[in-house]
């Protein structure tokens, strides 16, 4: 059974998951227990081993495929798995492809749409920069397409970085057309490049965790470094446009307290930061609704990333 099919009260027997991370912890009363982060292609599940010394609990490690038994409960509006039995799964009893969460959209089609946006960029310097990443570097393309946009929160699945980037770039393309007082090529280029540093900030699946470089430097700075290195190979790249592009990348989180080294000072930077925030918030909401367990009134519970108690919109009732 997949994670998105679980509901309160379900009892699982010999269900296989990927153990993304397992850690020891101590409760307030001094009792030892274990936190287990379990994943499959439909999402992640918070697991708890309240009695680590029980006979059914065998030693497992991070990134092991595990066979588990236990009961699904609800904690703070989200499923929690009380694990009674766990052990490493034998090879051949599982398909690794079932345990990597993936975008609900076709990756090839998304990349085709991204390439069309790149093709629409008229500025030859910005176009050469985009081509150097997304057209002429097959290794970068492979990592970018399969990468997540986050460890959790939003777009934390294979293809998530591509999905998020395409969405943000499409919003920015719309902003440029709607408002008309922007450098459209600058804005679209910044949108497509704004999160490229995440291919180094986060490790590949199935780990999908922060790298040492990601922890110490972060994707915003990593991305600006990558862009700067590529620009060096583009003859006569205009210094002003380089600085404007880098500013958009540096400020795309909008506020200093959200991790941006700079606050947006260009209209294109403002547009990018709002497009990025909008797409992240709406995807977080979608994931909360689809992955949550609503109460009798439809409320999912408090989501700390949205800073609100959330529920799906009530269906329209049509009178015939």
Protein backbone atom coordinates (compact mmCIF):
# COMPACT_ATOMS: atom_id res chain seq x y z
CA UNK A 1 0.00 0.00 0.00
CA UNK A 2 1.30 3.47 -0.91
CA UNK A 3 1.60 6.35 1.54
CA UNK A 4 -1.09 8.44 -0.16
CA UNK A 5 -3.58 5.60 0.41
CA UNK A 6 -3.10 5.49 4.17
CA UNK A 7 -5.72 6.70 6.63
CA UNK A 8 -6.23 6.73 10.37
CA UNK A 9 -6.69 3.33 11.98
CA UNK A 10 -5.15 1.26 9.19
CA UNK A 11 -3.05 -1.70 10.28
CA UNK A 12 -0.24 -2.59 7.91
CA UNK A 13 1.36 -6.00 7.58
CA UNK A 14 4.72 -6.48 5.81
CA UNK A 15 4.48 -3.17 3.96
CA UNK A 16 7.70 -2.10 2.23
CA UNK A 17 9.01 1.47 2.32
CA UNK A 18 12.31 3.20 1.74
CA UNK A 19 13.80 4.26 5.07
CA UNK A 20 15.11 7.71 4.22
CA UNK A 21 16.38 8.43 7.73
CA UNK A 22 16.29 6.76 11.14
CA UNK A 23 17.40 8.50 14.34
CA UNK A 24 17.30 7.83 18.08
CA UNK A 25 15.45 10.22 20.37
CA UNK A 26 14.39 10.57 23.98
CA UNK A 27 10.91 11.52 25.17
CA UNK A 28 10.22 14.09 27.92
CA UNK A 29 9.92 11.28 30.48
CA UNK A 30 13.34 9.91 29.50
CA UNK A 31 12.15 6.96 27.43
CA UNK A 32 14.10 6.10 24.28
CA UNK A 33 12.34 5.86 20.92
CA UNK A 34 13.22 6.17 17.23
CA UNK A 35 12.12 8.56 14.49
CA UNK A 36 11.84 6.91 11.07
CA UNK A 37 11.28 8.91 7.89
CA UNK A 38 9.69 6.57 5.36
CA UNK A 39 9.08 7.38 1.70
CA UNK A 40 7.64 5.95 -1.49
CA UNK A 41 6.81 7.51 -4.84
CA UNK A 42 3.62 9.06 -3.44
CA UNK A 43 5.14 10.93 -0.50
CA UNK A 44 6.70 10.65 2.93
CA UNK A 45 5.49 9.25 6.25
CA UNK A 46 6.55 10.04 9.80
CA UNK A 47 7.22 6.76 11.60
CA UNK A 48 7.81 6.12 15.30
CA UNK A 49 9.30 3.08 17.02
CA UNK A 50 8.19 3.54 20.61
CA UNK A 51 9.75 0.28 21.86
CA UNK A 52 13.13 -0.12 20.08
CA UNK A 53 14.03 -3.18 22.16
CA UNK A 54 11.02 -5.25 21.05
CA UNK A 55 11.77 -8.55 19.30
CA UNK A 56 10.23 -7.42 16.00
CA UNK A 57 12.55 -4.42 15.70
CA UNK A 58 15.66 -5.30 13.70
CA UNK A 59 18.57 -3.00 12.92
CA UNK A 60 18.09 -0.90 9.78
CA UNK A 61 20.03 2.03 8.35
CA UNK A 62 19.38 5.14 6.31
CA UNK A 63 18.39 4.35 2.69
CA UNK A 64 17.53 0.72 3.45
CA UNK A 65 14.37 -0.73 1.92
CA UNK A 66 12.42 -2.00 4.92
CA UNK A 67 9.53 -4.36 5.63
CA UNK A 68 7.26 -2.95 8.33
CA UNK A 69 4.12 -3.70 10.29
CA UNK A 70 2.19 -1.32 12.50
CA UNK A 71 -0.73 1.08 12.81
CA UNK A 72 -1.48 4.44 11.20
CA UNK A 73 -2.57 7.21 13.56
CA UNK A 74 -3.05 10.97 13.14
CA UNK A 75 -0.83 13.53 14.85
CA UNK A 76 -1.22 17.30 14.27
CA UNK A 77 -3.43 16.59 11.28
CA UNK A 78 -0.95 14.33 9.47
CA UNK A 79 -0.56 10.54 9.34
CA UNK A 80 1.92 8.99 11.78
CA UNK A 81 2.98 5.37 11.65
CA UNK A 82 3.41 3.44 14.90
CA UNK A 83 5.89 0.73 13.88
CA UNK A 84 5.73 -2.61 15.70
CA UNK A 85 7.99 -4.59 13.34
CA UNK A 86 10.75 -3.49 10.97
CA UNK A 87 13.59 -5.22 9.18
CA UNK A 88 15.63 -4.82 6.02
CA UNK A 89 13.83 -6.05 2.89
CA UNK A 90 15.45 -8.73 0.77
CA UNK A 91 16.62 -7.74 -2.69
CA UNK A 92 14.18 -8.78 -5.39
CA UNK A 93 11.13 -8.20 -3.18
CA UNK A 94 10.72 -4.56 -4.22
CA UNK A 95 11.05 -2.26 -7.23
CA UNK A 96 13.20 0.81 -6.43
CA UNK A 97 11.13 2.91 -8.86
CA UNK A 98 8.17 2.58 -6.49
CA UNK A 99 10.01 4.45 -3.76
CA UNK A 100 11.05 7.67 -5.47
CA UNK A 101 8.33 10.35 -5.36
CA UNK A 102 7.87 11.82 -8.84
CA UNK A 103 6.11 14.77 -10.45
CA UNK A 104 2.55 14.14 -11.61
CA UNK A 105 3.51 15.77 -14.93
CA UNK A 106 5.44 14.22 -17.83
CA UNK A 107 9.09 15.30 -17.49
CA UNK A 108 9.87 15.22 -21.20
CA UNK A 109 6.91 17.46 -21.99
CA UNK A 110 7.86 19.86 -19.21
CA UNK A 111 11.41 20.10 -20.51
CA UNK A 112 10.10 20.75 -24.04
CA UNK A 113 8.07 23.69 -22.67
CA UNK A 114 11.15 24.98 -20.85
CA UNK A 115 13.18 24.80 -24.07
CA UNK A 116 10.48 26.78 -25.89
CA UNK A 117 10.78 29.53 -23.27
CA UNK A 118 14.55 29.49 -23.72
CA UNK A 119 14.13 29.69 -27.49
CA UNK A 120 11.91 32.76 -27.04
CA UNK A 121 14.70 34.74 -25.33
CA UNK A 122 15.96 37.29 -27.86
CA UNK A 123 18.94 38.73 -25.97
CA UNK A 124 21.90 36.77 -27.43
CA UNK A 125 23.89 36.82 -24.20
CA UNK A 126 21.05 35.53 -22.04
CA UNK A 127 20.21 32.96 -24.72
CA UNK A 128 23.84 31.75 -24.82
CA UNK A 129 23.86 31.47 -21.01
CA UNK A 130 20.65 29.42 -20.95
CA UNK A 131 21.89 27.18 -23.77
CA UNK A 132 25.14 26.56 -21.89
CA UNK A 133 23.16 24.92 -19.08
CA UNK A 134 19.99 23.48 -20.58
CA UNK A 135 20.99 22.64 -24.17
CA UNK A 136 24.75 22.04 -24.29
CA UNK A 137 25.36 20.31 -20.94
CA UNK A 138 23.77 16.82 -20.91
CA UNK A 139 25.06 16.05 -17.41
CA UNK A 140 23.45 19.18 -15.97
CA UNK A 141 20.22 18.46 -17.86
CA UNK A 142 20.06 14.92 -16.45
CA UNK A 143 20.50 16.10 -12.87
CA UNK A 144 18.16 19.07 -13.29
CA UNK A 145 15.30 16.99 -14.73
CA UNK A 146 15.40 14.36 -11.98
CA UNK A 147 16.13 16.72 -9.08
CA UNK A 148 13.75 17.89 -6.38
CA UNK A 149 13.22 21.55 -5.52
CA UNK A 150 13.34 20.89 -1.78
CA UNK A 151 14.02 18.29 0.88
CA UNK A 152 10.41 18.74 1.97
CA UNK A 153 7.92 21.66 2.06
CA UNK A 154 7.17 21.92 -1.71
CA UNK A 155 8.18 20.07 -4.89
CA UNK A 156 10.21 17.58 -2.84
CA UNK A 157 10.06 14.89 -5.52
CA UNK A 158 11.92 13.81 -8.65
CA UNK A 159 11.08 16.33 -11.35
CA UNK A 160 10.14 18.88 -8.70
CA UNK A 161 12.90 21.31 -9.65
CA UNK A 162 11.87 21.20 -13.30
CA UNK A 163 8.17 21.55 -12.45
CA UNK A 164 8.80 24.50 -10.11
CA UNK A 165 11.17 26.23 -12.54
CA UNK A 166 8.77 25.89 -15.47
CA UNK A 167 5.90 27.20 -13.36
CA UNK A 168 7.87 30.22 -12.09
CA UNK A 169 9.21 31.02 -15.56
CA UNK A 170 5.70 30.79 -17.05
CA UNK A 171 4.34 33.15 -14.38
CA UNK A 172 7.18 35.58 -15.07
CA UNK A 173 6.50 35.40 -18.81
CA UNK A 174 2.88 36.34 -18.04
CA UNK A 175 3.95 39.19 -15.72
CA UNK A 176 6.18 40.64 -18.44
CA UNK A 177 3.32 40.56 -20.97
CA UNK A 178 0.71 41.88 -18.54
CA UNK A 179 2.66 44.80 -17.05
CA UNK A 180 4.82 45.61 -20.06
CA UNK A 181 7.43 47.71 -18.24
CA UNK A 182 9.96 44.93 -17.67
CA UNK A 183 12.99 43.49 -19.42
CA UNK A 184 11.24 40.28 -20.40
CA UNK A 185 14.46 38.48 -21.40
CA UNK A 186 16.10 39.34 -18.08
CA UNK A 187 13.06 38.21 -16.10
CA UNK A 188 12.56 34.90 -17.95
CA UNK A 189 16.30 34.11 -17.81
CA UNK A 190 16.39 34.83 -14.08
CA UNK A 191 13.29 32.68 -13.54
CA UNK A 192 14.78 29.72 -15.40
CA UNK A 193 18.09 30.07 -13.53
CA UNK A 194 16.82 31.08 -10.09
CA UNK A 195 17.10 27.62 -8.48
CA UNK A 196 19.88 25.95 -10.51
CA UNK A 197 22.02 25.89 -7.37
CA UNK A 198 19.71 23.24 -5.95
CA UNK A 199 21.39 20.57 -8.11
CA UNK A 200 24.34 21.02 -5.74
CA UNK A 201 22.49 22.06 -2.58
CA UNK A 202 20.54 18.79 -2.47
CA UNK A 203 21.80 15.28 -3.12
CA UNK A 204 20.20 13.02 -5.73
CA UNK A 205 17.41 10.58 -4.93
CA UNK A 206 16.81 8.46 -3.00
CA UNK A 207 18.78 10.46 -0.40
CA UNK A 208 17.48 13.93 -1.38
CA UNK A 209 19.16 15.62 1.57
CA UNK A 210 21.31 18.71 2.06
CA UNK A 211 24.89 18.34 0.91
CA UNK A 212 27.76 19.84 2.85
CA UNK A 213 27.98 22.60 0.23
CA UNK A 214 24.24 23.13 0.53
CA UNK A 215 24.40 23.52 4.29
CA UNK A 216 27.40 25.86 4.25
CA UNK A 217 26.70 27.96 1.15
CA UNK A 218 23.08 27.45 0.02
CA UNK A 219 21.48 27.31 -3.40
CA UNK A 220 21.22 31.09 -3.91
CA UNK A 221 24.97 31.65 -3.66
CA UNK A 222 25.78 28.36 -5.40
CA UNK A 223 23.53 29.40 -8.30
CA UNK A 224 25.18 32.80 -8.67
CA UNK A 225 28.58 31.10 -8.69
CA UNK A 226 27.46 28.70 -11.43
CA UNK A 227 26.09 31.58 -13.51
CA UNK A 228 29.26 33.64 -13.05
CA UNK A 229 31.42 30.72 -14.20
CA UNK A 230 29.33 30.20 -17.34
CA UNK A 231 29.29 33.90 -18.17
CA UNK A 232 33.11 33.87 -18.24
CA UNK A 233 32.89 31.67 -21.34
CA UNK A 234 30.52 34.02 -23.18
CA UNK A 235 32.56 36.76 -24.93
CA UNK A 236 31.57 40.39 -24.27
CA UNK A 237 28.71 39.54 -21.92
CA UNK A 238 27.48 43.01 -20.79
CA UNK A 239 28.56 43.77 -17.20
CA UNK A 240 25.32 45.63 -16.42
CA UNK A 241 23.13 42.77 -17.56
CA UNK A 242 25.28 40.29 -15.66
CA UNK A 243 24.84 42.26 -12.44
CA UNK A 244 21.10 42.68 -13.01
CA UNK A 245 20.71 38.94 -13.55
CA UNK A 246 22.77 38.07 -10.48
CA UNK A 247 20.77 40.58 -8.43
CA UNK A 248 17.54 38.83 -9.43
CA UNK A 249 18.97 35.48 -8.31
CA UNK A 250 20.35 36.87 -5.04
CA UNK A 251 17.04 38.54 -4.12
CA UNK A 252 14.54 35.92 -5.26
CA UNK A 253 13.50 34.96 -1.71
CA UNK A 254 12.29 38.53 -1.33
CA UNK A 255 13.44 39.30 2.20
CA UNK A 256 16.69 39.05 4.14
CA UNK A 257 15.04 36.93 6.83
CA UNK A 258 14.01 34.41 4.17
CA UNK A 259 17.62 33.84 3.09
CA UNK A 260 18.08 36.41 0.33
CA UNK A 261 21.40 38.31 0.58
CA UNK A 262 19.68 41.26 -1.16
CA UNK A 263 16.19 42.74 -1.17
CA UNK A 264 14.71 43.18 -4.67
CA UNK A 265 15.78 46.53 -6.18
CA UNK A 266 14.64 45.93 -9.77
CA UNK A 267 11.07 45.44 -10.98
CA UNK A 268 12.14 42.12 -12.53
CA UNK A 269 13.53 40.99 -9.17
CA UNK A 270 10.23 41.88 -7.47
CA UNK A 271 8.29 39.92 -10.09
CA UNK A 272 10.57 36.89 -9.73
CA UNK A 273 10.39 36.84 -5.93
CA UNK A 274 6.58 36.95 -6.00
CA UNK A 275 6.34 34.27 -8.71
CA UNK A 276 8.67 32.02 -6.72
CA UNK A 277 6.74 32.56 -3.50
CA UNK A 278 3.36 32.10 -5.18
CA UNK A 279 4.29 28.80 -6.81
CA UNK A 280 5.89 27.48 -3.61
CA UNK A 281 2.87 28.44 -1.49
CA UNK A 282 0.27 27.00 -3.86
CA UNK A 283 2.19 23.74 -4.27
CA UNK A 284 2.60 23.51 -0.47
CA UNK A 285 -1.16 23.97 -0.16
CA UNK A 286 -1.85 21.31 -2.81
CA UNK A 287 0.43 18.83 -1.08
CA UNK A 288 -1.13 19.60 2.31
CA UNK A 289 -4.65 19.00 0.97
CA UNK A 290 -3.76 15.83 -0.94
CA UNK A 291 -1.60 14.38 1.83
CA UNK A 292 -3.67 15.42 4.85
CA UNK A 293 -6.49 13.71 6.71
CA UNK A 294 -9.44 16.11 7.02
CA UNK A 295 -11.70 16.12 10.05
CA UNK A 296 -15.50 15.88 9.81
CA UNK A 297 -15.66 19.51 8.65
CA UNK A 298 -12.93 19.13 6.05
CA UNK A 299 -10.15 20.90 7.97
CA UNK A 300 -6.66 19.43 7.54
CA UNK A 301 -5.08 21.13 10.55
CA UNK A 302 -2.39 23.76 11.09
CA UNK A 303 0.36 23.89 8.47
CA UNK A 304 3.46 25.62 9.82
CA UNK A 305 4.76 26.51 6.35
CA UNK A 306 1.50 28.23 5.41
CA UNK A 307 1.08 29.50 8.99
CA UNK A 308 -2.60 28.64 8.90
CA UNK A 309 -5.18 25.96 9.51
CA UNK A 310 -6.19 24.80 6.01
CA UNK A 311 -8.93 22.93 4.21
CA UNK A 312 -10.00 22.29 0.64
CA UNK A 313 -12.65 24.54 -0.90
CA UNK A 314 -16.14 23.14 -0.44
CA UNK A 315 -17.68 21.70 -3.62
CA UNK A 316 -20.27 23.83 -5.37
CA UNK A 317 -23.82 22.58 -4.95
CA UNK A 318 -25.92 23.17 -8.02
CA UNK A 319 -29.69 23.42 -7.76
CA UNK A 320 -31.47 21.75 -10.64
